[in-house]
Amino acid sequence: MYSIFIVEDDKTIAGVLQRELRRWGYEAVCAANFQNILQEFEAAKPHLVLLDISLPFYNGYYWCGEIRRQSKVPILFLSSASDGMNMIMAMNLGGDDFIPKPFDMNVLLAKIQAILRRTYDFAVSAPTLSHKGAVLNPKDATLLFDGKTLELTKNDFRILLTLLENKGTIVSRDTLMQRLWETDSFVDENTLTVNVTRLRKKLGAMGLEDFIVTKKGVGYLVPQE
């Protein structure tokens, strides 16, 4: 059974989320002490975190950063502040997805199911792939290059895996969104751009410049060596 940690200070929303998630067969735990979310996260040991941005004491961005210091668990942001800047900040801090309030419970459940499936079911069968001396390891979602190890988020891993599987071929934006979120119905295209831009910066910091090439208006490409 998958466990979901709900960090939402609106008791009505938190109660609805907990009730609906349990009805769908998930274990759902609501945060109680908003001064020490990290301690409750460690006790819950969740497979996924639903994280509101506006919280007492410290906001969701802060707690996302704290969780990311010790865990790769997927984080799905919930927020009534659904402008592009909040979405970009959430993704840059390590969030896996973002859904604005008010949300349709069926949409939220679809996103949760997709995140859990791609996080915990997919990596088992994914192959090891390499390019320009960099090796993508699906077992622990890392990229090895020149003696350095890059810890990848789930979205980083999915993007690299999809592009390396199709090395030398342009992968369309629609295809990438389908692989990342298993649906393009509820995903803002800007979310993909933010994820690719963030990944490029990480690769560049490792010395892997121009590892991913943009084909404007079409998609992305890992060129043949």
C-alpha atoms as a PDB file:
ATOM      1  CA  MET A   1       0.000   0.000   0.000  1.00  0.00           C
ATOM      2  CA  TYR A   2       1.341   3.424  -0.960  1.00  0.00           C
ATOM      3  CA  SER A   3       1.547   6.019   1.798  1.00  0.00           C
ATOM      4  CA  ILE A   4       0.812   9.700   1.119  1.00  0.00           C
ATOM      5  CA  PHE A   5       1.766  12.543   3.470  1.00  0.00           C
ATOM      6  CA  ILE A   6      -0.654  15.480   3.267  1.00  0.00           C
ATOM      7  CA  VAL A   7       0.785  18.867   4.257  1.00  0.00           C
ATOM      8  CA  GLU A   8      -2.264  21.130   4.147  1.00  0.00           C
ATOM      9  CA  ASP A   9      -3.276  23.530   6.936  1.00  0.00           C
ATOM     10  CA  ASP A  10      -6.897  23.903   5.795  1.00  0.00           C
ATOM     11  CA  LYS A  11      -8.516  21.166   7.894  1.00  0.00           C
ATOM     12  CA  THR A  12     -11.474  20.832   5.552  1.00  0.00           C
ATOM     13  CA  ILE A  13      -9.301  20.284   2.482  1.00  0.00           C
ATOM     14  CA  ALA A  14      -6.925  17.997   4.381  1.00  0.00           C
ATOM     15  CA  GLY A  15      -9.869  15.919   5.635  1.00  0.00           C
ATOM     16  CA  VAL A  16     -11.360  15.560   2.155  1.00  0.00           C
ATOM     17  CA  LEU A  17      -7.988  14.552   0.709  1.00  0.00           C
ATOM     18  CA  GLN A  18      -7.390  11.993   3.445  1.00  0.00           C
ATOM     19  CA  ARG A  19     -10.865  10.492   3.113  1.00  0.00           C
ATOM     20  CA  GLU A  20     -10.736  10.249  -0.693  1.00  0.00           C
ATOM     21  CA  LEU A  21      -7.210   8.829  -0.761  1.00  0.00           C
ATOM     22  CA  ARG A  22      -8.129   6.157   1.773  1.00  0.00           C
ATOM     23  CA  ARG A  23     -11.202   5.327  -0.276  1.00  0.00           C
ATOM     24  CA  TRP A  24      -8.880   4.670  -3.227  1.00  0.00           C
ATOM     25  CA  GLY A  25      -6.721   2.322  -1.173  1.00  0.00           C
ATOM     26  CA  TYR A  26      -3.910   4.660  -0.131  1.00  0.00           C
ATOM     27  CA  GLU A  27      -2.594   5.168   3.380  1.00  0.00           C
ATOM     28  CA  ALA A  28      -3.005   8.892   4.032  1.00  0.00           C
ATOM     29  CA  VAL A  29      -1.434  10.834   6.906  1.00  0.00           C
ATOM     30  CA  CYS A  30      -2.123  14.519   7.576  1.00  0.00           C
ATOM     31  CA  ALA A  31       0.513  16.824   9.031  1.00  0.00           C
ATOM     32  CA  ALA A  32      -0.338  18.105  12.516  1.00  0.00           C
ATOM     33  CA  ASN A  33       2.691  20.110  13.637  1.00  0.00           C
ATOM     34  CA  PHE A  34       3.458  22.768  11.032  1.00  0.00           C
ATOM     35  CA  GLN A  35       6.535  23.901  12.907  1.00  0.00           C
ATOM     36  CA  ASN A  36       8.234  20.558  12.369  1.00  0.00           C
ATOM     37  CA  ILE A  37       7.039  19.018   9.120  1.00  0.00           C
ATOM     38  CA  LEU A  38      10.348  17.258   8.567  1.00  0.00           C
ATOM     39  CA  GLN A  39      10.020  15.206  11.754  1.00  0.00           C
ATOM     40  CA  GLU A  40       6.503  14.138  10.755  1.00  0.00           C
ATOM     41  CA  PHE A  41       7.718  13.319   7.237  1.00  0.00           C
ATOM     42  CA  GLU A  42      10.431  11.060   8.657  1.00  0.00           C
ATOM     43  CA  ALA A  43       7.903   9.295  10.888  1.00  0.00           C
ATOM     44  CA  ALA A  44       5.382   8.816   8.049  1.00  0.00           C
ATOM     45  CA  LYS A  45       7.952   7.468   5.533  1.00  0.00           C
ATOM     46  CA  PRO A  46       5.605   8.340   2.639  1.00  0.00           C
ATOM     47  CA  HIS A  47       5.836   7.330  -1.002  1.00  0.00           C
ATOM     48  CA  LEU A  48       4.512  10.756  -2.053  1.00  0.00           C
ATOM     49  CA  VAL A  49       3.988  14.178  -0.453  1.00  0.00           C
ATOM     50  CA  LEU A  50       1.061  16.511  -1.193  1.00  0.00           C
ATOM     51  CA  LEU A  51       2.440  19.917  -0.218  1.00  0.00           C
ATOM     52  CA  ASP A  52       0.574  23.207   0.036  1.00  0.00           C
ATOM     53  CA  ILE A  53       2.605  26.382  -0.535  1.00  0.00           C
ATOM     54  CA  SER A  54       0.904  28.711   1.971  1.00  0.00           C
ATOM     55  CA  LEU A  55       1.486  27.202   5.418  1.00  0.00           C
ATOM     56  CA  PRO A  56       1.923  28.498   8.974  1.00  0.00           C
ATOM     57  CA  PHE A  57       5.464  29.268  10.175  1.00  0.00           C
ATOM     58  CA  TYR A  58       7.335  28.133   7.013  1.00  0.00           C
ATOM     59  CA  ASN A  59       5.951  27.867   3.484  1.00  0.00           C
ATOM     60  CA  GLY A  60       5.884  24.800   1.252  1.00  0.00           C
ATOM     61  CA  TYR A  61       8.983  25.902  -0.655  1.00  0.00           C
ATOM     62  CA  TYR A  62      10.984  25.761   2.570  1.00  0.00           C
ATOM     63  CA  TRP A  63       9.745  22.289   3.462  1.00  0.00           C
ATOM     64  CA  CYS A  64      10.317  21.038  -0.076  1.00  0.00           C
ATOM     65  CA  GLY A  65      13.961  22.081   0.226  1.00  0.00           C
ATOM     66  CA  GLU A  66      14.286  20.385   3.611  1.00  0.00           C
ATOM     67  CA  ILE A  67      12.758  17.146   2.329  1.00  0.00           C
ATOM     68  CA  ARG A  68      14.965  17.213  -0.769  1.00  0.00           C
ATOM     69  CA  ARG A  69      18.080  17.331   1.421  1.00  0.00           C
ATOM     70  CA  GLN A  70      17.387  13.762   2.490  1.00  0.00           C
ATOM     71  CA  SER A  71      14.874  12.182   0.116  1.00  0.00           C
ATOM     72  CA  LYS A  72      13.904  11.812  -3.544  1.00  0.00           C
ATOM     73  CA  VAL A  73      10.269  11.078  -2.649  1.00  0.00           C
ATOM     74  CA  PRO A  74       7.970  12.673  -5.251  1.00  0.00           C
ATOM     75  CA  ILE A  75       6.394  15.977  -4.178  1.00  0.00           C
ATOM     76  CA  LEU A  76       3.154  17.259  -5.677  1.00  0.00           C
ATOM     77  CA  PHE A  77       2.494  20.931  -4.898  1.00  0.00           C
ATOM     78  CA  LEU A  78      -1.040  22.162  -4.222  1.00  0.00           C
ATOM     79  CA  SER A  79      -1.649  25.911  -4.317  1.00  0.00           C
ATOM     80  CA  SER A  80      -4.219  28.605  -4.951  1.00  0.00           C
ATOM     81  CA  ALA A  81      -1.254  30.702  -6.134  1.00  0.00           C
ATOM     82  CA  SER A  82      -1.219  29.099  -9.587  1.00  0.00           C
ATOM     83  CA  ASP A  83       0.665  31.760 -11.564  1.00  0.00           C
ATOM     84  CA  GLY A  84       3.680  30.813 -13.664  1.00  0.00           C
ATOM     85  CA  MET A  85       6.235  32.101 -11.141  1.00  0.00           C
ATOM     86  CA  ASN A  86       4.950  29.854  -8.366  1.00  0.00           C
ATOM     87  CA  MET A  87       4.973  26.868 -10.710  1.00  0.00           C
ATOM     88  CA  ILE A  88       8.542  27.597 -11.820  1.00  0.00           C
ATOM     89  CA  MET A  89       9.734  28.034  -8.224  1.00  0.00           C
ATOM     90  CA  ALA A  90       8.052  24.781  -7.174  1.00  0.00           C
ATOM     91  CA  MET A  91       9.753  22.841  -9.986  1.00  0.00           C
ATOM     92  CA  ASN A  92      13.147  24.458  -9.450  1.00  0.00           C
ATOM     93  CA  LEU A  93      13.070  23.507  -5.775  1.00  0.00           C
ATOM     94  CA  GLY A  94      12.519  19.848  -6.636  1.00  0.00           C
ATOM     95  CA  GLY A  95       8.765  19.492  -6.991  1.00  0.00           C
ATOM     96  CA  ASP A  96       7.572  16.775  -9.360  1.00  0.00           C
ATOM     97  CA  ASP A  97       4.264  18.341 -10.322  1.00  0.00           C
ATOM     98  CA  PHE A  98       1.925  21.225  -9.491  1.00  0.00           C
ATOM     99  CA  ILE A  99      -1.850  21.381  -9.359  1.00  0.00           C
ATOM    100  CA  PRO A 100      -3.778  24.624  -8.730  1.00  0.00           C
ATOM    101  CA  LYS A 101      -6.628  25.031  -6.276  1.00  0.00           C
ATOM    102  CA  PRO A 102      -9.515  24.552  -6.543  1.00  0.00           C
ATOM    103  CA  PHE A 103      -8.809  21.166  -8.091  1.00  0.00           C
ATOM    104  CA  ASP A 104     -10.915  18.332  -9.425  1.00  0.00           C
ATOM    105  CA  MET A 105     -10.377  15.287  -7.179  1.00  0.00           C
ATOM    106  CA  ASN A 106     -10.354  12.977 -10.208  1.00  0.00           C
ATOM    107  CA  VAL A 107      -7.576  15.037 -11.810  1.00  0.00           C
ATOM    108  CA  LEU A 108      -5.563  14.970  -8.592  1.00  0.00           C
ATOM    109  CA  LEU A 109      -5.985  11.195  -8.270  1.00  0.00           C
ATOM    110  CA  ALA A 110      -4.903  10.709 -11.890  1.00  0.00           C
ATOM    111  CA  LYS A 111      -1.755  12.727 -11.239  1.00  0.00           C
ATOM    112  CA  ILE A 112      -1.006  10.834  -8.031  1.00  0.00           C
ATOM    113  CA  GLN A 113      -1.454   7.473  -9.771  1.00  0.00           C
ATOM    114  CA  ALA A 114       0.798   8.538 -12.652  1.00  0.00           C
ATOM    115  CA  ILE A 115       3.544   9.829 -10.337  1.00  0.00           C
ATOM    116  CA  LEU A 116       3.523   6.691  -8.203  1.00  0.00           C
ATOM    117  CA  ARG A 117       3.523   4.427 -11.269  1.00  0.00           C
ATOM    118  CA  ARG A 118       6.431   6.144 -12.977  1.00  0.00           C
ATOM    119  CA  THR A 119       8.378   6.448  -9.716  1.00  0.00           C
ATOM    120  CA  TYR A 120       8.062   2.970  -8.280  1.00  0.00           C
ATOM    121  CA  ASP A 121       7.115   0.680 -11.165  1.00  0.00           C
ATOM    122  CA  PHE A 122       9.206   1.928 -14.049  1.00  0.00           C
ATOM    123  CA  ALA A 123      12.813   2.047 -12.861  1.00  0.00           C
ATOM    124  CA  VAL A 124      12.932  -1.701 -12.207  1.00  0.00           C
ATOM    125  CA  SER A 125      12.941  -2.578 -15.909  1.00  0.00           C
ATOM    126  CA  ALA A 126      14.772   0.468 -17.291  1.00  0.00           C
ATOM    127  CA  PRO A 127      18.106  -0.253 -19.003  1.00  0.00           C
ATOM    128  CA  THR A 128      21.483   1.332 -18.304  1.00  0.00           C
ATOM    129  CA  LEU A 129      22.252   3.872 -21.052  1.00  0.00           C
ATOM    130  CA  SER A 130      25.362   5.914 -21.813  1.00  0.00           C
ATOM    131  CA  HIS A 131      26.347   8.914 -23.941  1.00  0.00           C
ATOM    132  CA  LYS A 132      29.538  10.981 -24.183  1.00  0.00           C
ATOM    133  CA  GLY A 133      30.988   9.058 -21.234  1.00  0.00           C
ATOM    134  CA  ALA A 134      27.938   9.721 -19.040  1.00  0.00           C
ATOM    135  CA  VAL A 135      26.129   6.655 -17.691  1.00  0.00           C
ATOM    136  CA  LEU A 136      22.469   6.740 -16.635  1.00  0.00           C
ATOM    137  CA  ASN A 137      21.790   4.263 -13.833  1.00  0.00           C
ATOM    138  CA  PRO A 138      18.069   3.448 -13.400  1.00  0.00           C
ATOM    139  CA  LYS A 139      18.538   1.536 -10.150  1.00  0.00           C
ATOM    140  CA  ASP A 140      19.245   4.660  -8.127  1.00  0.00           C
ATOM    141  CA  ALA A 141      18.328   7.422 -10.644  1.00  0.00           C
ATOM    142  CA  THR A 142      21.852   8.797 -10.940  1.00  0.00           C
ATOM    143  CA  LEU A 143      24.043  10.006 -13.795  1.00  0.00           C
ATOM    144  CA  LEU A 144      27.746   9.187 -13.590  1.00  0.00           C
ATOM    145  CA  PHE A 145      30.285  11.306 -15.478  1.00  0.00           C
ATOM    146  CA  ASP A 146      34.001  11.986 -15.038  1.00  0.00           C
ATOM    147  CA  GLY A 147      34.039  10.539 -11.528  1.00  0.00           C
ATOM    148  CA  LYS A 148      31.057  12.642 -10.440  1.00  0.00           C
ATOM    149  CA  THR A 149      27.552  11.484  -9.538  1.00  0.00           C
ATOM    150  CA  LEU A 150      24.464  13.555 -10.262  1.00  0.00           C
ATOM    151  CA  GLU A 151      21.382  12.722  -8.166  1.00  0.00           C
ATOM    152  CA  LEU A 152      18.388  12.978 -10.500  1.00  0.00           C
ATOM    153  CA  THR A 153      14.808  13.824  -9.655  1.00  0.00           C
ATOM    154  CA  LYS A 154      12.185  11.494 -11.082  1.00  0.00           C
ATOM    155  CA  ASN A 155      11.441  13.964 -13.880  1.00  0.00           C
ATOM    156  CA  ASP A 156      15.153  14.463 -14.642  1.00  0.00           C
ATOM    157  CA  PHE A 157      15.517  10.709 -14.947  1.00  0.00           C
ATOM    158  CA  ARG A 158      12.478  10.304 -17.178  1.00  0.00           C
ATOM    159  CA  ILE A 159      13.619  13.075 -19.537  1.00  0.00           C
ATOM    160  CA  LEU A 160      17.140  11.668 -19.882  1.00  0.00           C
ATOM    161  CA  LEU A 161      15.912   8.098 -20.270  1.00  0.00           C
ATOM    162  CA  THR A 162      13.451   9.036 -23.015  1.00  0.00           C
ATOM    163  CA  LEU A 163      16.001  11.123 -24.913  1.00  0.00           C
ATOM    164  CA  LEU A 164      18.771   8.515 -24.604  1.00  0.00           C
ATOM    165  CA  GLU A 165      16.420   5.736 -25.733  1.00  0.00           C
ATOM    166  CA  ASN A 166      15.855   7.822 -28.869  1.00  0.00           C
ATOM    167  CA  LYS A 167      19.416   9.104 -29.289  1.00  0.00           C
ATOM    168  CA  GLY A 168      19.895  10.854 -32.618  1.00  0.00           C
ATOM    169  CA  THR A 169      16.138  11.308 -33.055  1.00  0.00           C
ATOM    170  CA  ILE A 170      14.054  14.352 -32.150  1.00  0.00           C
ATOM    171  CA  VAL A 171      11.598  13.596 -29.344  1.00  0.00           C
ATOM    172  CA  SER A 172       8.496  15.770 -29.524  1.00  0.00           C
ATOM    173  CA  ARG A 173       7.284  17.807 -26.570  1.00  0.00           C
ATOM    174  CA  ASP A 174       4.034  15.836 -26.602  1.00  0.00           C
ATOM    175  CA  THR A 175       5.946  12.554 -26.343  1.00  0.00           C
ATOM    176  CA  LEU A 176       8.005  13.814 -23.416  1.00  0.00           C
ATOM    177  CA  MET A 177       4.934  15.071 -21.580  1.00  0.00           C
ATOM    178  CA  GLN A 178       3.281  11.704 -22.117  1.00  0.00           C
ATOM    179  CA  ARG A 179       6.324   9.900 -20.682  1.00  0.00           C
ATOM    180  CA  LEU A 180       6.681  12.262 -17.728  1.00  0.00           C
ATOM    181  CA  TRP A 181       3.059  12.591 -16.688  1.00  0.00           C
ATOM    182  CA  GLU A 182       1.415   9.756 -18.640  1.00  0.00           C
ATOM    183  CA  THR A 183      -1.154  12.287 -19.816  1.00  0.00           C
ATOM    184  CA  ASP A 184      -0.895  15.659 -21.525  1.00  0.00           C
ATOM    185  CA  SER A 185      -4.492  16.614 -20.685  1.00  0.00           C
ATOM    186  CA  PHE A 186      -3.747  18.447 -17.444  1.00  0.00           C
ATOM    187  CA  VAL A 187      -0.153  19.604 -17.965  1.00  0.00           C
ATOM    188  CA  ASP A 188       0.937  23.139 -18.796  1.00  0.00           C
ATOM    189  CA  GLU A 189       3.626  23.012 -21.519  1.00  0.00           C
ATOM    190  CA  ASN A 190       5.634  25.514 -19.505  1.00  0.00           C
ATOM    191  CA  THR A 191       6.097  22.807 -16.868  1.00  0.00           C
ATOM    192  CA  LEU A 192       8.087  20.700 -19.343  1.00  0.00           C
ATOM    193  CA  THR A 193      10.228  23.709 -20.324  1.00  0.00           C
ATOM    194  CA  VAL A 194      11.030  24.386 -16.673  1.00  0.00           C
ATOM    195  CA  ASN A 195      12.029  20.750 -16.114  1.00  0.00           C
ATOM    196  CA  VAL A 196      14.306  20.623 -19.181  1.00  0.00           C
ATOM    197  CA  THR A 197      15.924  23.972 -18.319  1.00  0.00           C
ATOM    198  CA  ARG A 198      16.623  22.812 -14.764  1.00  0.00           C
ATOM    199  CA  LEU A 199      18.128  19.551 -16.023  1.00  0.00           C
ATOM    200  CA  ARG A 200      20.341  21.384 -18.532  1.00  0.00           C
ATOM    201  CA  LYS A 201      21.809  23.516 -15.751  1.00  0.00           C
ATOM    202  CA  LYS A 202      22.661  20.420 -13.742  1.00  0.00           C
ATOM    203  CA  LEU A 203      24.291  18.750 -16.749  1.00  0.00           C
ATOM    204  CA  GLY A 204      26.263  21.908 -17.563  1.00  0.00           C
ATOM    205  CA  ALA A 205      27.579  22.078 -14.007  1.00  0.00           C
ATOM    206  CA  MET A 206      28.960  18.542 -14.507  1.00  0.00           C
ATOM    207  CA  GLY A 207      30.708  19.563 -17.718  1.00  0.00           C
ATOM    208  CA  LEU A 208      28.066  18.128 -20.046  1.00  0.00           C
ATOM    209  CA  GLU A 209      27.331  21.205 -22.135  1.00  0.00           C
ATOM    210  CA  ASP A 210      24.917  20.836 -25.090  1.00  0.00           C
ATOM    211  CA  PHE A 211      23.981  17.331 -23.942  1.00  0.00           C
ATOM    212  CA  ILE A 212      20.364  18.149 -24.812  1.00  0.00           C
ATOM    213  CA  VAL A 213      19.638  20.153 -27.961  1.00  0.00           C
ATOM    214  CA  THR A 214      16.395  22.067 -28.537  1.00  0.00           C
ATOM    215  CA  LYS A 215      14.697  21.842 -31.900  1.00  0.00           C
ATOM    216  CA  LYS A 216      12.506  24.920 -31.701  1.00  0.00           C
ATOM    217  CA  GLY A 217       8.827  24.246 -32.180  1.00  0.00           C
ATOM    218  CA  VAL A 218       9.441  20.490 -32.447  1.00  0.00           C
ATOM    219  CA  GLY A 219      11.089  18.986 -29.370  1.00  0.00           C
ATOM    220  CA  TYR A 220      14.446  17.892 -27.942  1.00  0.00           C
ATOM    221  CA  LEU A 221      17.354  15.765 -29.089  1.00  0.00           C
ATOM    222  CA  VAL A 222      20.430  14.004 -27.714  1.00  0.00           C
ATOM    223  CA  PRO A 223      22.732  14.070 -30.771  1.00  0.00           C
ATOM    224  CA  GLN A 224      24.625  10.997 -31.894  1.00  0.00           C
ATOM    225  CA  GLU A 225      28.272  11.040 -30.793  1.00  0.00           C
END
